[in-house]
PDB file of N, CA and C in Angstrom:
ATOM      1  N   SER A   1       0.845  -1.179   0.000  1.00  0.00           N
ATOM      2  CA  SER A   1       0.000   0.000   0.000  1.00  0.00           C
ATOM      3  C   SER A   1       0.891   1.243   0.000  1.00  0.00           C
ATOM      4  N   VAL A   2       0.609   2.197  -0.863  1.00  0.00           N
ATOM      5  CA  VAL A   2       1.405   3.417  -0.984  1.00  0.00           C
ATOM      6  C   VAL A   2       0.492   4.622  -0.872  1.00  0.00           C
ATOM      7  N   TRP A   3       0.931   5.628  -0.120  1.00  0.00           N
ATOM      8  CA  TRP A   3       0.230   6.905  -0.062  1.00  0.00           C
ATOM      9  C   TRP A   3       1.230   7.965  -0.485  1.00  0.00           C
ATOM     10  N   ARG A   4       0.814   8.838  -1.382  1.00  0.00           N
ATOM     11  CA  ARG A   4       1.700   9.888  -1.888  1.00  0.00           C
ATOM     12  C   ARG A   4       0.878  11.139  -2.181  1.00  0.00           C
ATOM     13  N   ASP A   5       1.490  12.287  -1.940  1.00  0.00           N
ATOM     14  CA  ASP A   5       0.857  13.555  -2.279  1.00  0.00           C
ATOM     15  C   ASP A   5       1.906  14.426  -2.956  1.00  0.00           C
ATOM     16  N   ASP A   6       1.687  14.771  -4.207  1.00  0.00           N
ATOM     17  CA  ASP A   6       2.648  15.581  -4.954  1.00  0.00           C
ATOM     18  C   ASP A   6       2.458  17.082  -4.743  1.00  0.00           C
ATOM     19  N   MET A   7       1.488  17.459  -3.921  1.00  0.00           N
ATOM     20  CA  MET A   7       1.274  18.866  -3.545  1.00  0.00           C
ATOM     21  C   MET A   7       1.081  19.770  -4.760  1.00  0.00           C
ATOM     22  N   ASN A   8       0.273  19.326  -5.710  1.00  0.00           N
ATOM     23  CA  ASN A   8       0.035  20.116  -6.926  1.00  0.00           C
ATOM     24  C   ASN A   8      -1.297  20.863  -6.841  1.00  0.00           C
ATOM     25  N   TYR A   9      -1.514  21.550  -5.749  1.00  0.00           N
ATOM     26  CA  TYR A   9      -2.752  22.299  -5.529  1.00  0.00           C
ATOM     27  C   TYR A   9      -2.604  23.719  -6.047  1.00  0.00           C
ATOM     28  N   SER A  10      -3.728  24.331  -6.406  1.00  0.00           N
ATOM     29  CA  SER A  10      -3.681  25.717  -6.873  1.00  0.00           C
ATOM     30  C   SER A  10      -4.445  26.663  -5.946  1.00  0.00           C
ATOM     31  N   SER A  11      -5.038  26.134  -4.866  1.00  0.00           N
ATOM     32  CA  SER A  11      -5.758  26.990  -3.921  1.00  0.00           C
ATOM     33  C   SER A  11      -5.785  26.337  -2.541  1.00  0.00           C
ATOM     34  N   PHE A  12      -6.036  27.165  -1.530  1.00  0.00           N
ATOM     35  CA  PHE A  12      -6.126  26.642  -0.163  1.00  0.00           C
ATOM     36  C   PHE A  12      -7.337  25.710  -0.028  1.00  0.00           C
ATOM     37  N   ASP A  13      -8.415  26.000  -0.745  1.00  0.00           N
ATOM     38  CA  ASP A  13      -9.591  25.121  -0.706  1.00  0.00           C
ATOM     39  C   ASP A  13      -9.242  23.716  -1.201  1.00  0.00           C
ATOM     40  N   GLN A  14      -8.468  23.623  -2.283  1.00  0.00           N
ATOM     41  CA  GLN A  14      -8.049  22.307  -2.788  1.00  0.00           C
ATOM     42  C   GLN A  14      -7.166  21.595  -1.772  1.00  0.00           C
ATOM     43  N   LEU A  15      -6.274  22.322  -1.127  1.00  0.00           N
ATOM     44  CA  LEU A  15      -5.397  21.761  -0.103  1.00  0.00           C
ATOM     45  C   LEU A  15      -6.228  21.192   1.046  1.00  0.00           C
ATOM     46  N   GLN A  16      -7.211  21.945   1.503  1.00  0.00           N
ATOM     47  CA  GLN A  16      -8.081  21.488   2.597  1.00  0.00           C
ATOM     48  C   GLN A  16      -8.915  20.284   2.184  1.00  0.00           C
ATOM     49  N   THR A  17      -9.450  20.288   0.987  1.00  0.00           N
ATOM     50  CA  THR A  17     -10.253  19.168   0.497  1.00  0.00           C
ATOM     51  C   THR A  17      -9.437  17.879   0.483  1.00  0.00           C
ATOM     52  N   ALA A  18      -8.138  17.996   0.233  1.00  0.00           N
ATOM     53  CA  ALA A  18      -7.253  16.826   0.215  1.00  0.00           C
ATOM     54  C   ALA A  18      -6.868  16.369   1.615  1.00  0.00           C
ATOM     55  N   GLY A  19      -7.261  17.125   2.652  1.00  0.00           N
ATOM     56  CA  GLY A  19      -7.009  16.693   4.021  1.00  0.00           C
ATOM     57  C   GLY A  19      -5.941  17.457   4.766  1.00  0.00           C
ATOM     58  N   TRP A  20      -5.442  18.546   4.207  1.00  0.00           N
ATOM     59  CA  TRP A  20      -4.413  19.347   4.864  1.00  0.00           C
ATOM     60  C   TRP A  20      -5.040  20.520   5.609  1.00  0.00           C
ATOM     61  N   THR A  21      -4.399  20.946   6.694  1.00  0.00           N
ATOM     62  CA  THR A  21      -4.856  22.099   7.468  1.00  0.00           C
ATOM     63  C   THR A  21      -3.672  23.028   7.741  1.00  0.00           C
ATOM     64  N   SER A  22      -3.973  24.275   8.116  1.00  0.00           N
ATOM     65  CA  SER A  22      -2.951  25.227   8.522  1.00  0.00           C
ATOM     66  C   SER A  22      -3.563  26.209   9.502  1.00  0.00           C
ATOM     67  N   GLU A  23      -2.785  26.585  10.523  1.00  0.00           N
ATOM     68  CA  GLU A  23      -3.248  27.595  11.474  1.00  0.00           C
ATOM     69  C   GLU A  23      -3.028  29.006  10.927  1.00  0.00           C
ATOM     70  N   HIS A  24      -2.287  29.132   9.831  1.00  0.00           N
ATOM     71  CA  HIS A  24      -1.986  30.439   9.240  1.00  0.00           C
ATOM     72  C   HIS A  24      -2.175  30.373   7.723  1.00  0.00           C
ATOM     73  N   PRO A  25      -3.432  30.255   7.258  1.00  0.00           N
ATOM     74  CA  PRO A  25      -3.690  30.123   5.822  1.00  0.00           C
ATOM     75  C   PRO A  25      -3.149  31.279   4.986  1.00  0.00           C
ATOM     76  N   ALA A  26      -3.039  32.473   5.561  1.00  0.00           N
ATOM     77  CA  ALA A  26      -2.530  33.615   4.794  1.00  0.00           C
ATOM     78  C   ALA A  26      -1.073  33.413   4.384  1.00  0.00           C
ATOM     79  N   GLY A  27      -0.358  32.539   5.074  1.00  0.00           N
ATOM     80  CA  GLY A  27       1.037  32.270   4.749  1.00  0.00           C
ATOM     81  C   GLY A  27       1.223  31.115   3.776  1.00  0.00           C
ATOM     82  N   VAL A  28       0.134  30.543   3.271  1.00  0.00           N
ATOM     83  CA  VAL A  28       0.201  29.412   2.345  1.00  0.00           C
ATOM     84  C   VAL A  28      -0.133  29.908   0.947  1.00  0.00           C
ATOM     85  N   ASN A  29       0.810  29.748   0.016  1.00  0.00           N
ATOM     86  CA  ASN A  29       0.625  30.190  -1.367  1.00  0.00           C
ATOM     87  C   ASN A  29       0.925  29.039  -2.315  1.00  0.00           C
ATOM     88  N   PHE A  30       0.528  29.188  -3.568  1.00  0.00           N
ATOM     89  CA  PHE A  30       0.613  28.082  -4.516  1.00  0.00           C
ATOM     90  C   PHE A  30       1.245  28.527  -5.822  1.00  0.00           C
ATOM     91  N   THR A  31       2.085  27.672  -6.393  1.00  0.00           N
ATOM     92  CA  THR A  31       2.674  27.877  -7.712  1.00  0.00           C
ATOM     93  C   THR A  31       2.571  26.557  -8.466  1.00  0.00           C
ATOM     94  N   THR A  32       2.945  26.565  -9.715  1.00  0.00           N
ATOM     95  CA  THR A  32       2.931  25.315 -10.481  1.00  0.00           C
ATOM     96  C   THR A  32       3.962  24.335  -9.946  1.00  0.00           C
ATOM     97  N   GLY A  33       4.936  24.815  -9.190  1.00  0.00           N
ATOM     98  CA  GLY A  33       5.968  23.949  -8.628  1.00  0.00           C
ATOM     99  C   GLY A  33       5.633  23.366  -7.276  1.00  0.00           C
ATOM    100  N   GLY A  34       4.536  23.801  -6.657  1.00  0.00           N
ATOM    101  CA  GLY A  34       4.185  23.262  -5.347  1.00  0.00           C
ATOM    102  C   GLY A  34       3.579  24.303  -4.431  1.00  0.00           C
ATOM    103  N   VAL A  35       3.672  24.027  -3.152  1.00  0.00           N
ATOM    104  CA  VAL A  35       3.100  24.870  -2.110  1.00  0.00           C
ATOM    105  C   VAL A  35       4.221  25.699  -1.485  1.00  0.00           C
ATOM    106  N   ILE A  36       3.962  26.987  -1.280  1.00  0.00           N
ATOM    107  CA  ILE A  36       4.935  27.883  -0.659  1.00  0.00           C
ATOM    108  C   ILE A  36       4.417  28.261   0.721  1.00  0.00           C
ATOM    109  N   LEU A  37       5.232  28.041   1.747  1.00  0.00           N
ATOM    110  CA  LEU A  37       4.892  28.439   3.108  1.00  0.00           C
ATOM    111  C   LEU A  37       5.712  29.681   3.437  1.00  0.00           C
ATOM    112  N   ASP A  38       5.032  30.803   3.659  1.00  0.00           N
ATOM    113  CA  ASP A  38       5.676  32.077   3.939  1.00  0.00           C
ATOM    114  C   ASP A  38       5.624  32.331   5.440  1.00  0.00           C
ATOM    115  N   GLY A  39       6.768  32.220   6.091  1.00  0.00           N
ATOM    116  CA  GLY A  39       6.836  32.418   7.530  1.00  0.00           C
ATOM    117  C   GLY A  39       7.412  33.758   7.926  1.00  0.00           C
ATOM    118  N   THR A  40       7.360  34.753   7.052  1.00  0.00           N
ATOM    119  CA  THR A  40       7.964  36.041   7.378  1.00  0.00           C
ATOM    120  C   THR A  40       7.159  36.842   8.408  1.00  0.00           C
ATOM    121  N   SER A  41       5.836  36.673   8.444  1.00  0.00           N
ATOM    122  CA  SER A  41       5.046  37.420   9.427  1.00  0.00           C
ATOM    123  C   SER A  41       4.724  36.577  10.658  1.00  0.00           C
ATOM    124  N   GLN A  42       4.658  35.270  10.510  1.00  0.00           N
ATOM    125  CA  GLN A  42       4.505  34.345  11.639  1.00  0.00           C
ATOM    126  C   GLN A  42       4.787  32.937  11.122  1.00  0.00           C
ATOM    127  N   ASP A  43       5.047  32.028  12.050  1.00  0.00           N
ATOM    128  CA  ASP A  43       5.340  30.657  11.643  1.00  0.00           C
ATOM    129  C   ASP A  43       4.176  30.087  10.843  1.00  0.00           C
ATOM    130  N   THR A  44       4.487  29.382   9.775  1.00  0.00           N
ATOM    131  CA  THR A  44       3.473  28.804   8.910  1.00  0.00           C
ATOM    132  C   THR A  44       3.793  27.335   8.708  1.00  0.00           C
ATOM    133  N   ALA A  45       2.806  26.500   8.897  1.00  0.00           N
ATOM    134  CA  ALA A  45       2.984  25.054   8.717  1.00  0.00           C
ATOM    135  C   ALA A  45       1.708  24.479   8.131  1.00  0.00           C
ATOM    136  N   ILE A  46       1.829  23.343   7.486  1.00  0.00           N
ATOM    137  CA  ILE A  46       0.651  22.590   7.054  1.00  0.00           C
ATOM    138  C   ILE A  46       0.726  21.207   7.685  1.00  0.00           C
ATOM    139  N   HIS A  47      -0.434  20.646   7.954  1.00  0.00           N
ATOM    140  CA  HIS A  47      -0.534  19.352   8.631  1.00  0.00           C
ATOM    141  C   HIS A  47      -1.536  18.491   7.892  1.00  0.00           C
ATOM    142  N   TYR A  48      -1.178  17.238   7.689  1.00  0.00           N
ATOM    143  CA  TYR A  48      -2.123  16.312   7.069  1.00  0.00           C
ATOM    144  C   TYR A  48      -3.007  15.749   8.162  1.00  0.00           C
ATOM    145  N   SER A  49      -4.314  15.931   8.037  1.00  0.00           N
ATOM    146  CA  SER A  49      -5.222  15.562   9.121  1.00  0.00           C
ATOM    147  C   SER A  49      -6.148  14.395   8.776  1.00  0.00           C
ATOM    148  N   ASN A  50      -6.106  13.906   7.533  1.00  0.00           N
ATOM    149  CA  ASN A  50      -6.875  12.703   7.193  1.00  0.00           C
ATOM    150  C   ASN A  50      -6.134  11.474   7.678  1.00  0.00           C
ATOM    151  N   LYS A  51      -6.801  10.365   7.689  1.00  0.00           N
ATOM    152  CA  LYS A  51      -6.154   9.117   8.090  1.00  0.00           C
ATOM    153  C   LYS A  51      -5.418   8.511   6.902  1.00  0.00           C
ATOM    154  N   PHE A  52      -4.222   8.007   7.155  1.00  0.00           N
ATOM    155  CA  PHE A  52      -3.488   7.276   6.139  1.00  0.00           C
ATOM    156  C   PHE A  52      -4.097   5.885   6.006  1.00  0.00           C
ATOM    157  N   PRO A  53      -3.941   5.252   4.850  1.00  0.00           N
ATOM    158  CA  PRO A  53      -4.458   3.891   4.692  1.00  0.00           C
ATOM    159  C   PRO A  53      -3.801   2.946   5.700  1.00  0.00           C
ATOM    160  N   SER A  54      -4.527   1.981   6.190  1.00  0.00           N
ATOM    161  CA  SER A  54      -3.931   1.007   7.103  1.00  0.00           C
ATOM    162  C   SER A  54      -3.080   0.027   6.309  1.00  0.00           C
ATOM    163  N   GLY A  55      -2.200  -0.667   6.999  1.00  0.00           N
ATOM    164  CA  GLY A  55      -1.377  -1.683   6.362  1.00  0.00           C
ATOM    165  C   GLY A  55      -0.060  -1.173   5.807  1.00  0.00           C
ATOM    166  N   ILE A  56       0.319   0.065   6.085  1.00  0.00           N
ATOM    167  CA  ILE A  56       1.615   0.573   5.643  1.00  0.00           C
ATOM    168  C   ILE A  56       2.602   0.383   6.798  1.00  0.00           C
ATOM    169  N   TYR A  57       3.541  -0.544   6.641  1.00  0.00           N
ATOM    170  CA  TYR A  57       4.497  -0.838   7.706  1.00  0.00           C
ATOM    171  C   TYR A  57       5.923  -0.451   7.337  1.00  0.00           C
ATOM    172  N   ASP A  58       6.237  -0.448   6.074  1.00  0.00           N
ATOM    173  CA  ASP A  58       7.551  -0.061   5.590  1.00  0.00           C
ATOM    174  C   ASP A  58       7.369   1.299   4.922  1.00  0.00           C
ATOM    175  N   TRP A  59       7.683   2.397   5.624  1.00  0.00           N
ATOM    176  CA  TRP A  59       7.329   3.702   5.135  1.00  0.00           C
ATOM    177  C   TRP A  59       8.518   4.661   5.116  1.00  0.00           C
ATOM    178  N   THR A  60       8.377   5.696   4.321  1.00  0.00           N
ATOM    179  CA  THR A  60       9.373   6.749   4.195  1.00  0.00           C
ATOM    180  C   THR A  60       8.642   8.083   4.172  1.00  0.00           C
ATOM    181  N   VAL A  61       9.180   9.056   4.887  1.00  0.00           N
ATOM    182  CA  VAL A  61       8.669  10.424   4.824  1.00  0.00           C
ATOM    183  C   VAL A  61       9.692  11.223   4.041  1.00  0.00           C
ATOM    184  N   GLU A  62       9.232  11.898   3.005  1.00  0.00           N
ATOM    185  CA  GLU A  62      10.137  12.654   2.152  1.00  0.00           C
ATOM    186  C   GLU A  62       9.657  14.089   2.065  1.00  0.00           C
ATOM    187  N   ASP A  63      10.584  14.993   2.149  1.00  0.00           N
ATOM    188  CA  ASP A  63      10.293  16.420   2.098  1.00  0.00           C
ATOM    189  C   ASP A  63      11.125  17.021   0.970  1.00  0.00           C
ATOM    190  N   ARG A  64      10.456  17.618   0.010  1.00  0.00           N
ATOM    191  CA  ARG A  64      11.159  18.349  -1.046  1.00  0.00           C
ATOM    192  C   ARG A  64      10.901  19.822  -0.784  1.00  0.00           C
ATOM    193  N   SER A  65      11.807  20.473  -0.074  1.00  0.00           N
ATOM    194  CA  SER A  65      11.567  21.868   0.305  1.00  0.00           C
ATOM    195  C   SER A  65      12.873  22.646   0.330  1.00  0.00           C
ATOM    196  N   ARG A  66      12.700  23.952   0.441  1.00  0.00           N
ATOM    197  CA  ARG A  66      13.850  24.845   0.507  1.00  0.00           C
ATOM    198  C   ARG A  66      13.491  26.005   1.424  1.00  0.00           C
ATOM    199  N   TRP A  67      14.333  26.296   2.386  1.00  0.00           N
ATOM    200  CA  TRP A  67      14.157  27.438   3.276  1.00  0.00           C
ATOM    201  C   TRP A  67      14.956  28.582   2.684  1.00  0.00           C
ATOM    202  N   ILE A  68      14.301  29.718   2.393  1.00  0.00           N
ATOM    203  CA  ILE A  68      15.001  30.772   1.668  1.00  0.00           C
ATOM    204  C   ILE A  68      15.189  32.074   2.447  1.00  0.00           C
ATOM    205  N   LEU A  69      14.465  32.270   3.543  1.00  0.00           N
ATOM    206  CA  LEU A  69      14.555  33.572   4.191  1.00  0.00           C
ATOM    207  C   LEU A  69      14.001  33.505   5.600  1.00  0.00           C
ATOM    208  N   GLY A  70      14.517  34.333   6.462  1.00  0.00           N
ATOM    209  CA  GLY A  70      13.956  34.496   7.798  1.00  0.00           C
ATOM    210  C   GLY A  70      14.809  33.836   8.864  1.00  0.00           C
ATOM    211  N   SER A  71      14.729  34.373  10.058  1.00  0.00           N
ATOM    212  CA  SER A  71      15.543  33.848  11.149  1.00  0.00           C
ATOM    213  C   SER A  71      14.740  33.025  12.141  1.00  0.00           C
ATOM    214  N   HIS A  72      13.413  33.065  12.080  1.00  0.00           N
ATOM    215  CA  HIS A  72      12.626  32.346  13.082  1.00  0.00           C
ATOM    216  C   HIS A  72      11.872  31.164  12.497  1.00  0.00           C
ATOM    217  N   SER A  73      12.098  30.856  11.252  1.00  0.00           N
ATOM    218  CA  SER A  73      11.413  29.735  10.619  1.00  0.00           C
ATOM    219  C   SER A  73      12.431  28.854   9.935  1.00  0.00           C
ATOM    220  N   GLY A  74      12.014  27.676   9.543  1.00  0.00           N
ATOM    221  CA  GLY A  74      12.892  26.774   8.816  1.00  0.00           C
ATOM    222  C   GLY A  74      12.140  25.532   8.418  1.00  0.00           C
ATOM    223  N   ASN A  75      12.809  24.656   7.700  1.00  0.00           N
ATOM    224  CA  ASN A  75      12.196  23.401   7.262  1.00  0.00           C
ATOM    225  C   ASN A  75      12.119  22.419   8.417  1.00  0.00           C
ATOM    226  N   GLY A  76      11.057  21.673   8.455  1.00  0.00           N
ATOM    227  CA  GLY A  76      10.922  20.628   9.448  1.00  0.00           C
ATOM    228  C   GLY A  76       9.901  19.607   8.999  1.00  0.00           C
ATOM    229  N   VAL A  77      10.115  18.366   9.375  1.00  0.00           N
ATOM    230  CA  VAL A  77       9.201  17.285   9.036  1.00  0.00           C
ATOM    231  C   VAL A  77       8.944  16.474  10.292  1.00  0.00           C
ATOM    232  N   SER A  78       7.689  16.156  10.525  1.00  0.00           N
ATOM    233  CA  SER A  78       7.326  15.270  11.627  1.00  0.00           C
ATOM    234  C   SER A  78       6.399  14.192  11.103  1.00  0.00           C
ATOM    235  N   ALA A  79       6.556  12.994  11.608  1.00  0.00           N
ATOM    236  CA  ALA A  79       5.669  11.883  11.264  1.00  0.00           C
ATOM    237  C   ALA A  79       5.285  11.181  12.557  1.00  0.00           C
ATOM    238  N   ILE A  80       3.998  10.942  12.737  1.00  0.00           N
ATOM    239  CA  ILE A  80       3.509  10.292  13.948  1.00  0.00           C
ATOM    240  C   ILE A  80       2.790   9.012  13.549  1.00  0.00           C
ATOM    241  N   THR A  81       3.235   7.894  14.091  1.00  0.00           N
ATOM    242  CA  THR A  81       2.589   6.606  13.820  1.00  0.00           C
ATOM    243  C   THR A  81       1.839   6.168  15.072  1.00  0.00           C
ATOM    244  N   GLU A  82       1.275   5.003  15.018  1.00  0.00           N
ATOM    245  CA  GLU A  82       0.513   4.485  16.158  1.00  0.00           C
ATOM    246  C   GLU A  82       1.384   4.326  17.403  1.00  0.00           C
ATOM    247  N   HIS A  83       2.670   3.993  17.208  1.00  0.00           N
ATOM    248  CA  HIS A  83       3.540   3.692  18.346  1.00  0.00           C
ATOM    249  C   HIS A  83       4.753   4.611  18.495  1.00  0.00           C
ATOM    250  N   HIS A  84       5.065   5.449  17.492  1.00  0.00           N
ATOM    251  CA  HIS A  84       6.267   6.273  17.534  1.00  0.00           C
ATOM    252  C   HIS A  84       6.006   7.645  16.917  1.00  0.00           C
ATOM    253  N   SER A  85       6.912   8.561  17.198  1.00  0.00           N
ATOM    254  CA  SER A  85       6.898   9.832  16.476  1.00  0.00           C
ATOM    255  C   SER A  85       8.326  10.156  16.043  1.00  0.00           C
ATOM    256  N   PHE A  86       8.442  10.796  14.911  1.00  0.00           N
ATOM    257  CA  PHE A  86       9.732  11.118  14.324  1.00  0.00           C
ATOM    258  C   PHE A  86       9.697  12.586  13.908  1.00  0.00           C
ATOM    259  N   SER A  87      10.817  13.274  14.099  1.00  0.00           N
ATOM    260  CA  SER A  87      10.828  14.691  13.755  1.00  0.00           C
ATOM    261  C   SER A  87      12.248  15.120  13.407  1.00  0.00           C
ATOM    262  N   THR A  88      12.357  16.076  12.503  1.00  0.00           N
ATOM    263  CA  THR A  88      13.655  16.631  12.152  1.00  0.00           C
ATOM    264  C   THR A  88      13.493  18.052  11.634  1.00  0.00           C
ATOM    265  N   THR A  89      14.518  18.844  11.805  1.00  0.00           N
ATOM    266  CA  THR A  89      14.605  20.130  11.131  1.00  0.00           C
ATOM    267  C   THR A  89      15.811  20.111  10.208  1.00  0.00           C
ATOM    268  N   ASN A  90      16.439  18.966  10.075  1.00  0.00           N
ATOM    269  CA  ASN A  90      17.582  18.771   9.189  1.00  0.00           C
ATOM    270  C   ASN A  90      17.118  17.931   8.019  1.00  0.00           C
ATOM    271  N   GLN A  91      17.364  18.339   6.804  1.00  0.00           N
ATOM    272  CA  GLN A  91      16.872  17.630   5.633  1.00  0.00           C
ATOM    273  C   GLN A  91      17.588  16.307   5.379  1.00  0.00           C
ATOM    274  N   LYS A  92      18.655  16.008   6.109  1.00  0.00           N
ATOM    275  CA  LYS A  92      19.403  14.781   5.873  1.00  0.00           C
ATOM    276  C   LYS A  92      18.840  13.579   6.640  1.00  0.00           C
ATOM    277  N   ASP A  93      18.310  13.800   7.814  1.00  0.00           N
ATOM    278  CA  ASP A  93      17.917  12.679   8.663  1.00  0.00           C
ATOM    279  C   ASP A  93      16.556  12.913   9.297  1.00  0.00           C
ATOM    280  N   ILE A  94      15.812  11.838   9.497  1.00  0.00           N
ATOM    281  CA  ILE A  94      14.633  11.859  10.363  1.00  0.00           C
ATOM    282  C   ILE A  94      15.006  11.025  11.577  1.00  0.00           C
ATOM    283  N   THR A  95      14.884  11.583  12.760  1.00  0.00           N
ATOM    284  CA  THR A  95      15.317  10.899  13.962  1.00  0.00           C
ATOM    285  C   THR A  95      14.122  10.557  14.833  1.00  0.00           C
ATOM    286  N   SER A  96      14.244   9.463  15.565  1.00  0.00           N
ATOM    287  CA  SER A  96      13.178   9.018  16.441  1.00  0.00           C
ATOM    288  C   SER A  96      13.096   9.912  17.660  1.00  0.00           C
ATOM    289  N   VAL A  97      11.873  10.240  18.084  1.00  0.00           N
ATOM    290  CA  VAL A  97      11.661  11.068  19.268  1.00  0.00           C
ATOM    291  C   VAL A  97      11.087  10.205  20.373  1.00  0.00           C
TER     292      VAL A  97
END
């Protein structure tokens, strides 16, 4: 079983319909290349809030992103499973928490 999201949305409504949420929608913008999170006025993040398909035991979390500006924001990825959580702000490794 595979779950994948290529983040090819053109509006916040499409992003929400696909199961994503954000506490700062004004900082979420869209281009043909993907989703842009603008954290210059406040931290901006998106979270997947739908349920993933069951039966995925061998999994990978991949982030294709670039941090370009600002001193109080940066790239980060977190994944929470039934028994563990993993988080990183370094694009090289995801570490167990």
